[in-house]
Structures are given as structure tokens and as C-alpha cells.
């Protein structure tokens, strides 16, 4: 098996694990507050980088000149996870997954604004297609109470997109373990600060749910990192969008949910936008290699 094939399998496992995590979040939403779910998701994820940091003697909090970028990545990532969990708990899991996975399009936009990355025509086309697809899923109405979970889901995608830009800025400056550790630690601290007033002592089954959230999130994070290390992220990133299909199937099978026509069209449009970016990226890299030869 080649490295690329292994990377694809790892990315599939990562996407599946995160989808299972989302399902557990939804199933436990009636008895476990969102902040406790978020704490569990990040506490278990923090274990792996802690051991790696101790083993490699990597600075846990990074270099002083990168503190602001690390903090920005952590706070934006935290808002993204909280928004994602909130949307999952208050709307169809497929729609929540779809909105959250629109984050790469915001990453492109923010990278063009803050990192001065070039915004090409395919990028603009993909952004417009994804925007229309997102609007179809949100289904704007004058009833803000009904639209609020979808708006929160969109905010989670926007902040996650900003977090990925911060990660891009930190690439080569800080280790993955430092970035994951600082994000997980801050997320745990903030979850305690904002959630202690509404803390509910978990039952035996709730503890299992919380463990499931943490373990599946950790597996998803670790396999994602390994997949990106084995090959160019652009070659496997498209697999992440299979999470929308996983979530839709889980919603239908385990939650008796259905997918509306607007959501289905929105899903197809965001898939199309993702494919457009995927093929454009691979085409650009192929041309770059040819010119280099």
C-alpha cells in the first residue's frame, strides 16, 4: 500500500470518527449540557500532544512571538466547536455538518485578506456557489428563533475558517502538538468558566457518552494529522466532505431525520464548490511541478 493510499484510509477514518462524535453529541444533548460536551471533546484530545510534548521536549506554549497567533487559533477554534455542537443539538445533523464544513471557503477568503494569498477565478466561483448552497440550508426567515441554530452553525464555520488561517500562519513556526495542546487547554478552561453554573453530574450512561465524544474526537484529530503528514493535504482534503454523507445517514438511521429539498440542493452545491477547489488545486500543483522540471 502506498503512502497516498494509507493517507486516504486515515482520512476516511478521521471523517468517520468526527461524524460518530457528532452523532453522540446529538444523542446526549438531552442530558448533557453543551459545555460539558465541549470539555470532553477537548480534554481527551489534549492527552496525546501532552505526551508528545514531554517526549520531544517541545515548548508547550510555543515561542513568545507566536503567542498571539496561537491564542487566536485557540479562541476561534473554541468558538467554532461550541457553535458546531450547539447547531448539532438544535437542528438536523446533516445540515449542521454541512454548514460547519463550509469553513474551507472562509479560509480561502480570510487567507486572501490577511495572508495576501492570491484569490483566483475558481476560488471566487467556488465561494459564490458555496454561499448560495449555505443560504439554502439556512433558509433565512423573519423567525429568528427558528433560524438561530443555522446562524450559529454558520458562525462556527466562519470562526473555524479563521482558525485554519492562523494554523497556516503557524506552519513551520510551531509544532502540531503545540498548536493542538494550546487549543485544547484553552477550550477546556473556557468550558469550565462558561459551563460551571449549568453543570449537571453525568449519569453512568452520560459518562460513556462523554468518553465517546472525547475518544472519537481524539481519533479523528490524530488520524487527520497523520494523513496530512503522509501526503499533500490537497490530495485528501476532499474526503472530509464525506462527513456530510455520514452525518446524513446517521441522522436518517439513528435519529429519524429527513433531508429537505433545499438542504439537498445546498449539499450538492457545496460538494460542487469543494470539487472545483480540489481540481483547481491539483491542476495548479501539477503545472508547478512541470515548470519545476
C-alpha atoms as a PDB file:
ATOM      1  CA  UNK A   1       0.000   0.000   0.000  1.00  0.00           C
ATOM      2  CA  UNK A   2       1.390   3.400  -0.993  1.00  0.00           C
ATOM      3  CA  UNK A   3       1.622   6.397   1.334  1.00  0.00           C
ATOM      4  CA  UNK A   4      -1.183   8.103  -0.546  1.00  0.00           C
ATOM      5  CA  UNK A   5      -3.471   5.076  -0.130  1.00  0.00           C
ATOM      6  CA  UNK A   6      -2.679   4.969   3.598  1.00  0.00           C
ATOM      7  CA  UNK A   7      -3.383   8.688   3.830  1.00  0.00           C
ATOM      8  CA  UNK A   8      -6.763   8.193   2.140  1.00  0.00           C
ATOM      9  CA  UNK A   9      -7.695   5.412   4.587  1.00  0.00           C
ATOM     10  CA  UNK A  10      -6.610   7.557   7.542  1.00  0.00           C
ATOM     11  CA  UNK A  11      -8.641  10.499   6.217  1.00  0.00           C
ATOM     12  CA  UNK A  12     -11.680   8.243   5.834  1.00  0.00           C
ATOM     13  CA  UNK A  13     -11.238   7.055   9.426  1.00  0.00           C
ATOM     14  CA  UNK A  14     -10.869  10.655  10.597  1.00  0.00           C
ATOM     15  CA  UNK A  15     -14.010  11.796   8.792  1.00  0.00           C
ATOM     16  CA  UNK A  16     -15.987   8.808  10.068  1.00  0.00           C
ATOM     17  CA  UNK A  17     -14.762   9.363  13.646  1.00  0.00           C
ATOM     18  CA  UNK A  18     -15.787  13.026  13.646  1.00  0.00           C
ATOM     19  CA  UNK A  19     -19.219  12.050  12.267  1.00  0.00           C
ATOM     20  CA  UNK A  20     -19.669   9.465  15.039  1.00  0.00           C
ATOM     21  CA  UNK A  21     -18.657  12.171  17.523  1.00  0.00           C
ATOM     22  CA  UNK A  22     -21.381  14.436  16.128  1.00  0.00           C
ATOM     23  CA  UNK A  23     -23.956  11.645  16.438  1.00  0.00           C
ATOM     24  CA  UNK A  24     -23.020  11.080  20.101  1.00  0.00           C
ATOM     25  CA  UNK A  25     -23.257  14.831  20.734  1.00  0.00           C
ATOM     26  CA  UNK A  26     -26.789  14.802  19.319  1.00  0.00           C
ATOM     27  CA  UNK A  27     -27.861  11.666  21.219  1.00  0.00           C
ATOM     28  CA  UNK A  28     -26.583  13.053  24.534  1.00  0.00           C
ATOM     29  CA  UNK A  29     -27.910  16.600  24.054  1.00  0.00           C
ATOM     30  CA  UNK A  30     -30.976  15.959  26.205  1.00  0.00           C
ATOM     31  CA  UNK A  31     -28.986  15.156  29.341  1.00  0.00           C
ATOM     32  CA  UNK A  32     -25.526  16.705  28.912  1.00  0.00           C
ATOM     33  CA  UNK A  33     -25.019  20.499  28.596  1.00  0.00           C
ATOM     34  CA  UNK A  34     -23.082  21.720  25.560  1.00  0.00           C
ATOM     35  CA  UNK A  35     -20.140  22.999  27.625  1.00  0.00           C
ATOM     36  CA  UNK A  36     -19.627  19.584  29.202  1.00  0.00           C
ATOM     37  CA  UNK A  37     -19.663  18.023  25.739  1.00  0.00           C
ATOM     38  CA  UNK A  38     -17.087  20.554  24.519  1.00  0.00           C
ATOM     39  CA  UNK A  39     -14.901  19.929  27.594  1.00  0.00           C
ATOM     40  CA  UNK A  40     -14.931  16.161  26.980  1.00  0.00           C
ATOM     41  CA  UNK A  41     -14.141  16.659  23.290  1.00  0.00           C
ATOM     42  CA  UNK A  42     -11.020  18.697  24.071  1.00  0.00           C
ATOM     43  CA  UNK A  43      -9.822  17.047  27.289  1.00  0.00           C
ATOM     44  CA  UNK A  44      -9.241  13.650  25.685  1.00  0.00           C
ATOM     45  CA  UNK A  45      -7.752  15.272  22.567  1.00  0.00           C
ATOM     46  CA  UNK A  46      -5.249  17.072  24.805  1.00  0.00           C
ATOM     47  CA  UNK A  47      -3.758  13.824  26.165  1.00  0.00           C
ATOM     48  CA  UNK A  48      -1.854  12.833  23.002  1.00  0.00           C
ATOM     49  CA  UNK A  49       0.005  16.151  22.455  1.00  0.00           C
ATOM     50  CA  UNK A  50       0.909  16.302  26.174  1.00  0.00           C
ATOM     51  CA  UNK A  51       2.788  13.000  25.937  1.00  0.00           C
ATOM     52  CA  UNK A  52       4.344  14.019  22.608  1.00  0.00           C
ATOM     53  CA  UNK A  53       5.468  17.379  24.035  1.00  0.00           C
ATOM     54  CA  UNK A  54       7.068  15.679  27.058  1.00  0.00           C
ATOM     55  CA  UNK A  55       8.773  13.078  24.852  1.00  0.00           C
ATOM     56  CA  UNK A  56      10.161  15.569  22.333  1.00  0.00           C
ATOM     57  CA  UNK A  57      10.720  18.363  24.891  1.00  0.00           C
ATOM     58  CA  UNK A  58       8.762  20.747  22.672  1.00  0.00           C
ATOM     59  CA  UNK A  59       7.761  24.091  24.278  1.00  0.00           C
ATOM     60  CA  UNK A  60       4.155  23.507  25.368  1.00  0.00           C
ATOM     61  CA  UNK A  61       3.104  27.116  24.764  1.00  0.00           C
ATOM     62  CA  UNK A  62       5.345  27.795  21.791  1.00  0.00           C
ATOM     63  CA  UNK A  63       7.594  30.749  21.134  1.00  0.00           C
ATOM     64  CA  UNK A  64       6.740  34.149  22.591  1.00  0.00           C
ATOM     65  CA  UNK A  65       6.485  35.777  19.160  1.00  0.00           C
ATOM     66  CA  UNK A  66       3.778  33.262  18.195  1.00  0.00           C
ATOM     67  CA  UNK A  67       1.613  33.597  21.317  1.00  0.00           C
ATOM     68  CA  UNK A  68      -0.931  35.894  19.687  1.00  0.00           C
ATOM     69  CA  UNK A  69      -1.395  33.579  16.680  1.00  0.00           C
ATOM     70  CA  UNK A  70      -1.668  30.542  18.983  1.00  0.00           C
ATOM     71  CA  UNK A  71      -4.241  32.337  21.141  1.00  0.00           C
ATOM     72  CA  UNK A  72      -6.179  33.460  18.067  1.00  0.00           C
ATOM     73  CA  UNK A  73      -6.207  29.915  16.670  1.00  0.00           C
ATOM     74  CA  UNK A  74      -7.371  28.569  20.041  1.00  0.00           C
ATOM     75  CA  UNK A  75     -10.148  31.099  20.668  1.00  0.00           C
ATOM     76  CA  UNK A  76     -11.507  30.925  17.118  1.00  0.00           C
ATOM     77  CA  UNK A  77     -11.331  27.119  17.174  1.00  0.00           C
ATOM     78  CA  UNK A  78     -13.155  27.059  20.516  1.00  0.00           C
ATOM     79  CA  UNK A  79     -15.970  29.253  19.207  1.00  0.00           C
ATOM     80  CA  UNK A  80     -16.139  27.004  16.147  1.00  0.00           C
ATOM     81  CA  UNK A  81     -16.539  23.829  18.236  1.00  0.00           C
ATOM     82  CA  UNK A  82     -19.125  25.386  20.578  1.00  0.00           C
ATOM     83  CA  UNK A  83     -21.119  26.679  17.601  1.00  0.00           C
ATOM     84  CA  UNK A  84     -20.894  23.314  15.849  1.00  0.00           C
ATOM     85  CA  UNK A  85     -22.114  21.442  18.938  1.00  0.00           C
ATOM     86  CA  UNK A  86     -24.912  23.955  19.529  1.00  0.00           C
ATOM     87  CA  UNK A  87     -26.081  23.685  15.902  1.00  0.00           C
ATOM     88  CA  UNK A  88     -25.896  19.878  16.081  1.00  0.00           C
ATOM     89  CA  UNK A  89     -28.040  19.881  19.215  1.00  0.00           C
ATOM     90  CA  UNK A  90     -30.725  22.140  17.698  1.00  0.00           C
ATOM     91  CA  UNK A  91     -31.016  21.116  14.026  1.00  0.00           C
ATOM     92  CA  UNK A  92     -30.597  18.132  11.705  1.00  0.00           C
ATOM     93  CA  UNK A  93     -27.102  16.689  11.997  1.00  0.00           C
ATOM     94  CA  UNK A  94     -26.656  16.693   8.196  1.00  0.00           C
ATOM     95  CA  UNK A  95     -27.440  20.427   7.988  1.00  0.00           C
ATOM     96  CA  UNK A  96     -25.169  21.221  10.943  1.00  0.00           C
ATOM     97  CA  UNK A  97     -22.374  19.168   9.372  1.00  0.00           C
ATOM     98  CA  UNK A  98     -22.886  20.861   6.009  1.00  0.00           C
ATOM     99  CA  UNK A  99     -22.698  24.362   7.486  1.00  0.00           C
ATOM    100  CA  UNK A 100     -19.613  23.558   9.562  1.00  0.00           C
ATOM    101  CA  UNK A 101     -17.816  22.012   6.600  1.00  0.00           C
ATOM    102  CA  UNK A 102     -18.194  25.218   4.613  1.00  0.00           C
ATOM    103  CA  UNK A 103     -15.282  26.548   6.707  1.00  0.00           C
ATOM    104  CA  UNK A 104     -12.612  25.960   3.981  1.00  0.00           C
ATOM    105  CA  UNK A 105     -14.326  28.565   1.817  1.00  0.00           C
ATOM    106  CA  UNK A 106     -13.974  31.138   4.588  1.00  0.00           C
ATOM    107  CA  UNK A 107     -10.357  30.056   4.998  1.00  0.00           C
ATOM    108  CA  UNK A 108      -9.715  30.973   1.350  1.00  0.00           C
ATOM    109  CA  UNK A 109     -11.376  34.357   1.845  1.00  0.00           C
ATOM    110  CA  UNK A 110      -9.519  35.163   5.075  1.00  0.00           C
ATOM    111  CA  UNK A 111      -6.199  33.953   3.653  1.00  0.00           C
ATOM    112  CA  UNK A 112      -6.646  36.364   0.731  1.00  0.00           C
ATOM    113  CA  UNK A 113      -7.406  39.234   3.123  1.00  0.00           C
ATOM    114  CA  UNK A 114      -4.905  38.641   5.918  1.00  0.00           C
ATOM    115  CA  UNK A 115      -2.144  36.499   4.360  1.00  0.00           C
ATOM    116  CA  UNK A 116      -2.335  38.146   0.926  1.00  0.00           C
ATOM    117  CA  UNK A 117      -2.900  34.804  -0.806  1.00  0.00           C
ATOM    118  CA  UNK A 118      -3.986  35.148  -4.415  1.00  0.00           C
ATOM    119  CA  UNK A 119      -7.750  34.831  -4.947  1.00  0.00           C
ATOM    120  CA  UNK A 120      -8.160  33.146  -8.340  1.00  0.00           C
ATOM    121  CA  UNK A 121     -11.268  32.925 -10.503  1.00  0.00           C
ATOM    122  CA  UNK A 122     -12.040  29.304  -9.455  1.00  0.00           C
ATOM    123  CA  UNK A 123     -11.846  30.468  -5.829  1.00  0.00           C
ATOM    124  CA  UNK A 124     -14.362  33.238  -6.455  1.00  0.00           C
ATOM    125  CA  UNK A 125     -16.686  30.849  -8.301  1.00  0.00           C
ATOM    126  CA  UNK A 126     -16.433  28.262  -5.502  1.00  0.00           C
ATOM    127  CA  UNK A 127     -17.134  30.922  -2.863  1.00  0.00           C
ATOM    128  CA  UNK A 128     -20.256  32.084  -4.698  1.00  0.00           C
ATOM    129  CA  UNK A 129     -21.537  28.518  -5.203  1.00  0.00           C
ATOM    130  CA  UNK A 130     -20.860  27.635  -1.562  1.00  0.00           C
ATOM    131  CA  UNK A 131     -22.535  30.849  -0.387  1.00  0.00           C
ATOM    132  CA  UNK A 132     -25.727  30.068  -2.307  1.00  0.00           C
ATOM    133  CA  UNK A 133     -25.680  26.483  -1.007  1.00  0.00           C
ATOM    134  CA  UNK A 134     -25.244  27.744   2.557  1.00  0.00           C
ATOM    135  CA  UNK A 135     -28.138  30.183   2.201  1.00  0.00           C
ATOM    136  CA  UNK A 136     -30.364  27.318   1.016  1.00  0.00           C
ATOM    137  CA  UNK A 137     -29.509  25.325   4.131  1.00  0.00           C
ATOM    138  CA  UNK A 138     -30.024  28.275   6.494  1.00  0.00           C
ATOM    139  CA  UNK A 139     -33.312  29.119   4.765  1.00  0.00           C
ATOM    140  CA  UNK A 140     -33.479  32.720   6.079  1.00  0.00           C
ATOM    141  CA  UNK A 141     -36.801  33.818   7.533  1.00  0.00           C
ATOM    142  CA  UNK A 142     -38.212  36.534   9.724  1.00  0.00           C
ATOM    143  CA  UNK A 143     -38.467  33.979  12.545  1.00  0.00           C
ATOM    144  CA  UNK A 144     -35.042  34.469  14.135  1.00  0.00           C
ATOM    145  CA  UNK A 145     -35.746  31.757  16.718  1.00  0.00           C
ATOM    146  CA  UNK A 146     -36.042  29.099  14.006  1.00  0.00           C
ATOM    147  CA  UNK A 147     -33.090  30.418  12.018  1.00  0.00           C
ATOM    148  CA  UNK A 148     -30.797  30.908  15.033  1.00  0.00           C
ATOM    149  CA  UNK A 149     -29.255  27.375  15.183  1.00  0.00           C
ATOM    150  CA  UNK A 150     -28.362  27.625  11.470  1.00  0.00           C
ATOM    151  CA  UNK A 151     -26.863  31.094  12.011  1.00  0.00           C
ATOM    152  CA  UNK A 152     -24.775  29.711  14.881  1.00  0.00           C
ATOM    153  CA  UNK A 153     -23.699  26.838  12.613  1.00  0.00           C
ATOM    154  CA  UNK A 154     -22.572  29.361  10.001  1.00  0.00           C
ATOM    155  CA  UNK A 155     -20.677  31.348  12.653  1.00  0.00           C
ATOM    156  CA  UNK A 156     -18.923  28.116  13.655  1.00  0.00           C
ATOM    157  CA  UNK A 157     -17.774  27.700  10.038  1.00  0.00           C
ATOM    158  CA  UNK A 158     -16.577  31.313   9.842  1.00  0.00           C
ATOM    159  CA  UNK A 159     -14.544  31.083  13.055  1.00  0.00           C
ATOM    160  CA  UNK A 160     -13.180  27.659  12.085  1.00  0.00           C
ATOM    161  CA  UNK A 161     -12.080  29.189   8.782  1.00  0.00           C
ATOM    162  CA  UNK A 162     -10.253  31.904  10.717  1.00  0.00           C
ATOM    163  CA  UNK A 163      -8.633  29.265  12.940  1.00  0.00           C
ATOM    164  CA  UNK A 164      -7.306  27.409   9.863  1.00  0.00           C
ATOM    165  CA  UNK A 165      -5.738  30.651   8.607  1.00  0.00           C
ATOM    166  CA  UNK A 166      -3.973  31.016  11.964  1.00  0.00           C
ATOM    167  CA  UNK A 167      -2.758  27.408  11.637  1.00  0.00           C
ATOM    168  CA  UNK A 168      -1.476  28.197   8.131  1.00  0.00           C
ATOM    169  CA  UNK A 169       0.423  31.175   9.542  1.00  0.00           C
ATOM    170  CA  UNK A 170       1.940  28.963  12.281  1.00  0.00           C
ATOM    171  CA  UNK A 171       3.026  26.237   9.842  1.00  0.00           C
ATOM    172  CA  UNK A 172       6.766  25.744  10.189  1.00  0.00           C
ATOM    173  CA  UNK A 173       6.860  28.055  13.217  1.00  0.00           C
ATOM    174  CA  UNK A 174       5.241  25.800  15.817  1.00  0.00           C
ATOM    175  CA  UNK A 175       4.744  22.040  16.049  1.00  0.00           C
ATOM    176  CA  UNK A 176       1.335  20.457  15.537  1.00  0.00           C
ATOM    177  CA  UNK A 177       1.462  19.205  19.126  1.00  0.00           C
ATOM    178  CA  UNK A 178       1.900  22.738  20.486  1.00  0.00           C
ATOM    179  CA  UNK A 179      -0.967  24.049  18.353  1.00  0.00           C
ATOM    180  CA  UNK A 180      -3.321  21.220  19.393  1.00  0.00           C
ATOM    181  CA  UNK A 181      -2.294  21.442  23.073  1.00  0.00           C
ATOM    182  CA  UNK A 182      -2.851  25.192  23.404  1.00  0.00           C
ATOM    183  CA  UNK A 183      -6.195  24.924  21.603  1.00  0.00           C
ATOM    184  CA  UNK A 184      -7.384  22.001  23.749  1.00  0.00           C
ATOM    185  CA  UNK A 185      -6.187  23.545  27.020  1.00  0.00           C
ATOM    186  CA  UNK A 186      -7.850  26.912  26.394  1.00  0.00           C
ATOM    187  CA  UNK A 187     -11.036  25.146  25.269  1.00  0.00           C
ATOM    188  CA  UNK A 188     -11.167  23.129  28.496  1.00  0.00           C
ATOM    189  CA  UNK A 189     -10.556  26.213  30.652  1.00  0.00           C
ATOM    190  CA  UNK A 190     -13.215  28.273  28.854  1.00  0.00           C
ATOM    191  CA  UNK A 191     -15.703  25.390  29.005  1.00  0.00           C
ATOM    192  CA  UNK A 192     -15.299  25.286  32.796  1.00  0.00           C
ATOM    193  CA  UNK A 193     -15.619  29.092  33.100  1.00  0.00           C
ATOM    194  CA  UNK A 194     -18.764  29.309  30.968  1.00  0.00           C
ATOM    195  CA  UNK A 195     -20.300  25.993  31.971  1.00  0.00           C
ATOM    196  CA  UNK A 196     -19.822  25.533  35.718  1.00  0.00           C
ATOM    197  CA  UNK A 197     -23.109  27.279  36.631  1.00  0.00           C
ATOM    198  CA  UNK A 198     -25.086  24.815  34.500  1.00  0.00           C
ATOM    199  CA  UNK A 199     -23.018  21.764  35.440  1.00  0.00           C
ATOM    200  CA  UNK A 200     -25.007  18.538  35.680  1.00  0.00           C
ATOM    201  CA  UNK A 201     -23.434  15.457  37.249  1.00  0.00           C
ATOM    202  CA  UNK A 202     -23.397  12.846  34.473  1.00  0.00           C
ATOM    203  CA  UNK A 203     -25.112   9.517  34.985  1.00  0.00           C
ATOM    204  CA  UNK A 204     -23.331   6.247  34.173  1.00  0.00           C
ATOM    205  CA  UNK A 205     -24.600   6.316  30.596  1.00  0.00           C
ATOM    206  CA  UNK A 206     -23.706  10.003  30.288  1.00  0.00           C
ATOM    207  CA  UNK A 207     -20.106   9.270  31.306  1.00  0.00           C
ATOM    208  CA  UNK A 208     -19.959   6.738  28.476  1.00  0.00           C
ATOM    209  CA  UNK A 209     -21.337   9.345  26.067  1.00  0.00           C
ATOM    210  CA  UNK A 210     -18.748  11.905  27.187  1.00  0.00           C
ATOM    211  CA  UNK A 211     -15.980   9.330  26.833  1.00  0.00           C
ATOM    212  CA  UNK A 212     -17.291   8.516  23.351  1.00  0.00           C
ATOM    213  CA  UNK A 213     -17.211  12.201  22.359  1.00  0.00           C
ATOM    214  CA  UNK A 214     -13.643  12.559  23.606  1.00  0.00           C
ATOM    215  CA  UNK A 215     -12.303   9.326  22.108  1.00  0.00           C
ATOM    216  CA  UNK A 216     -13.867   9.776  18.670  1.00  0.00           C
ATOM    217  CA  UNK A 217     -12.651  13.396  18.547  1.00  0.00           C
ATOM    218  CA  UNK A 218      -9.123  12.307  19.514  1.00  0.00           C
ATOM    219  CA  UNK A 219      -9.089   9.518  16.909  1.00  0.00           C
ATOM    220  CA  UNK A 220     -10.372  11.965  14.292  1.00  0.00           C
ATOM    221  CA  UNK A 221      -7.718  14.553  15.153  1.00  0.00           C
ATOM    222  CA  UNK A 222      -4.798  12.115  15.274  1.00  0.00           C
ATOM    223  CA  UNK A 223      -5.678  10.317  12.025  1.00  0.00           C
ATOM    224  CA  UNK A 224      -6.282  13.660  10.308  1.00  0.00           C
ATOM    225  CA  UNK A 225      -2.819  14.894  11.336  1.00  0.00           C
ATOM    226  CA  UNK A 226      -1.187  11.633  10.217  1.00  0.00           C
ATOM    227  CA  UNK A 227      -2.981  11.722   6.856  1.00  0.00           C
ATOM    228  CA  UNK A 228      -1.741  15.263   6.195  1.00  0.00           C
ATOM    229  CA  UNK A 229       1.801  14.230   7.143  1.00  0.00           C
ATOM    230  CA  UNK A 230       1.803  11.313   4.681  1.00  0.00           C
ATOM    231  CA  UNK A 231       0.773  13.249   1.589  1.00  0.00           C
ATOM    232  CA  UNK A 232      -0.137  16.680   0.295  1.00  0.00           C
ATOM    233  CA  UNK A 233      -3.265  17.828   2.197  1.00  0.00           C
ATOM    234  CA  UNK A 234      -4.801  18.913  -1.111  1.00  0.00           C
ATOM    235  CA  UNK A 235      -4.871  15.305  -2.310  1.00  0.00           C
ATOM    236  CA  UNK A 236      -7.012  14.010   0.562  1.00  0.00           C
ATOM    237  CA  UNK A 237      -8.844  17.049   1.953  1.00  0.00           C
ATOM    238  CA  UNK A 238     -11.840  16.430  -0.332  1.00  0.00           C
ATOM    239  CA  UNK A 239     -12.564  13.234   1.640  1.00  0.00           C
ATOM    240  CA  UNK A 240     -13.527  15.421   4.594  1.00  0.00           C
ATOM    241  CA  UNK A 241     -16.776  16.281   2.783  1.00  0.00           C
ATOM    242  CA  UNK A 242     -17.869  12.648   3.031  1.00  0.00           C
ATOM    243  CA  UNK A 243     -18.639  13.583   6.630  1.00  0.00           C
ATOM    244  CA  UNK A 244     -21.791  15.282   5.365  1.00  0.00           C
ATOM    245  CA  UNK A 245     -22.944  11.960   3.879  1.00  0.00           C
ATOM    246  CA  UNK A 246     -22.013  10.064   7.047  1.00  0.00           C
ATOM    247  CA  UNK A 247     -23.982  12.580   9.131  1.00  0.00           C
ATOM    248  CA  UNK A 248     -26.984  12.374   6.796  1.00  0.00           C
ATOM    249  CA  UNK A 249     -27.028   8.555   7.015  1.00  0.00           C
ATOM    250  CA  UNK A 250     -26.638   8.642  10.812  1.00  0.00           C
ATOM    251  CA  UNK A 251     -29.454  11.183  11.056  1.00  0.00           C
ATOM    252  CA  UNK A 252     -31.799   9.034   8.983  1.00  0.00           C
ATOM    253  CA  UNK A 253     -30.907   5.710  10.655  1.00  0.00           C
ATOM    254  CA  UNK A 254     -30.484   6.699  14.306  1.00  0.00           C
ATOM    255  CA  UNK A 255     -32.402   9.974  14.697  1.00  0.00           C
ATOM    256  CA  UNK A 256     -35.320   9.525  12.294  1.00  0.00           C
ATOM    257  CA  UNK A 257     -34.342  12.728  10.486  1.00  0.00           C
ATOM    258  CA  UNK A 258     -35.044  13.558   6.854  1.00  0.00           C
ATOM    259  CA  UNK A 259     -33.279  15.770   4.330  1.00  0.00           C
ATOM    260  CA  UNK A 260     -35.355  18.555   2.800  1.00  0.00           C
ATOM    261  CA  UNK A 261     -35.135  19.565  -0.852  1.00  0.00           C
ATOM    262  CA  UNK A 262     -33.418  22.884  -0.059  1.00  0.00           C
ATOM    263  CA  UNK A 263     -30.835  21.151   2.125  1.00  0.00           C
ATOM    264  CA  UNK A 264     -30.184  18.531  -0.556  1.00  0.00           C
ATOM    265  CA  UNK A 265     -29.627  21.206  -3.221  1.00  0.00           C
ATOM    266  CA  UNK A 266     -27.393  23.129  -0.805  1.00  0.00           C
ATOM    267  CA  UNK A 267     -25.437  19.957  -0.109  1.00  0.00           C
ATOM    268  CA  UNK A 268     -24.885  19.317  -3.823  1.00  0.00           C
ATOM    269  CA  UNK A 269     -23.765  22.922  -4.376  1.00  0.00           C
ATOM    270  CA  UNK A 270     -21.221  22.839  -1.540  1.00  0.00           C
ATOM    271  CA  UNK A 271     -19.914  19.481  -2.818  1.00  0.00           C
ATOM    272  CA  UNK A 272     -19.571  21.035  -6.278  1.00  0.00           C
ATOM    273  CA  UNK A 273     -17.710  24.037  -4.866  1.00  0.00           C
ATOM    274  CA  UNK A 274     -15.363  21.723  -2.941  1.00  0.00           C
ATOM    275  CA  UNK A 275     -14.667  19.668  -6.080  1.00  0.00           C
ATOM    276  CA  UNK A 276     -13.940  22.852  -8.030  1.00  0.00           C
ATOM    277  CA  UNK A 277     -11.327  23.885  -5.458  1.00  0.00           C
ATOM    278  CA  UNK A 278      -9.902  20.365  -5.295  1.00  0.00           C
ATOM    279  CA  UNK A 279      -9.336  20.036  -9.047  1.00  0.00           C
ATOM    280  CA  UNK A 280      -8.026  23.602  -9.320  1.00  0.00           C
ATOM    281  CA  UNK A 281      -5.504  22.972  -6.547  1.00  0.00           C
ATOM    282  CA  UNK A 282      -4.303  19.691  -8.058  1.00  0.00           C
ATOM    283  CA  UNK A 283      -4.073  21.279 -11.522  1.00  0.00           C
ATOM    284  CA  UNK A 284      -2.008  24.177 -10.147  1.00  0.00           C
ATOM    285  CA  UNK A 285       0.337  21.798  -8.307  1.00  0.00           C
ATOM    286  CA  UNK A 286       0.783  19.652 -11.440  1.00  0.00           C
ATOM    287  CA  UNK A 287       1.678  22.732 -13.522  1.00  0.00           C
ATOM    288  CA  UNK A 288       4.074  23.884 -10.812  1.00  0.00           C
ATOM    289  CA  UNK A 289       5.857  20.518 -10.848  1.00  0.00           C
ATOM    290  CA  UNK A 290       6.100  20.553 -14.653  1.00  0.00           C
ATOM    291  CA  UNK A 291       7.555  24.059 -14.676  1.00  0.00           C
ATOM    292  CA  UNK A 292       9.985  23.000 -11.954  1.00  0.00           C
ATOM    293  CA  UNK A 293      11.190  20.128 -14.106  1.00  0.00           C
END
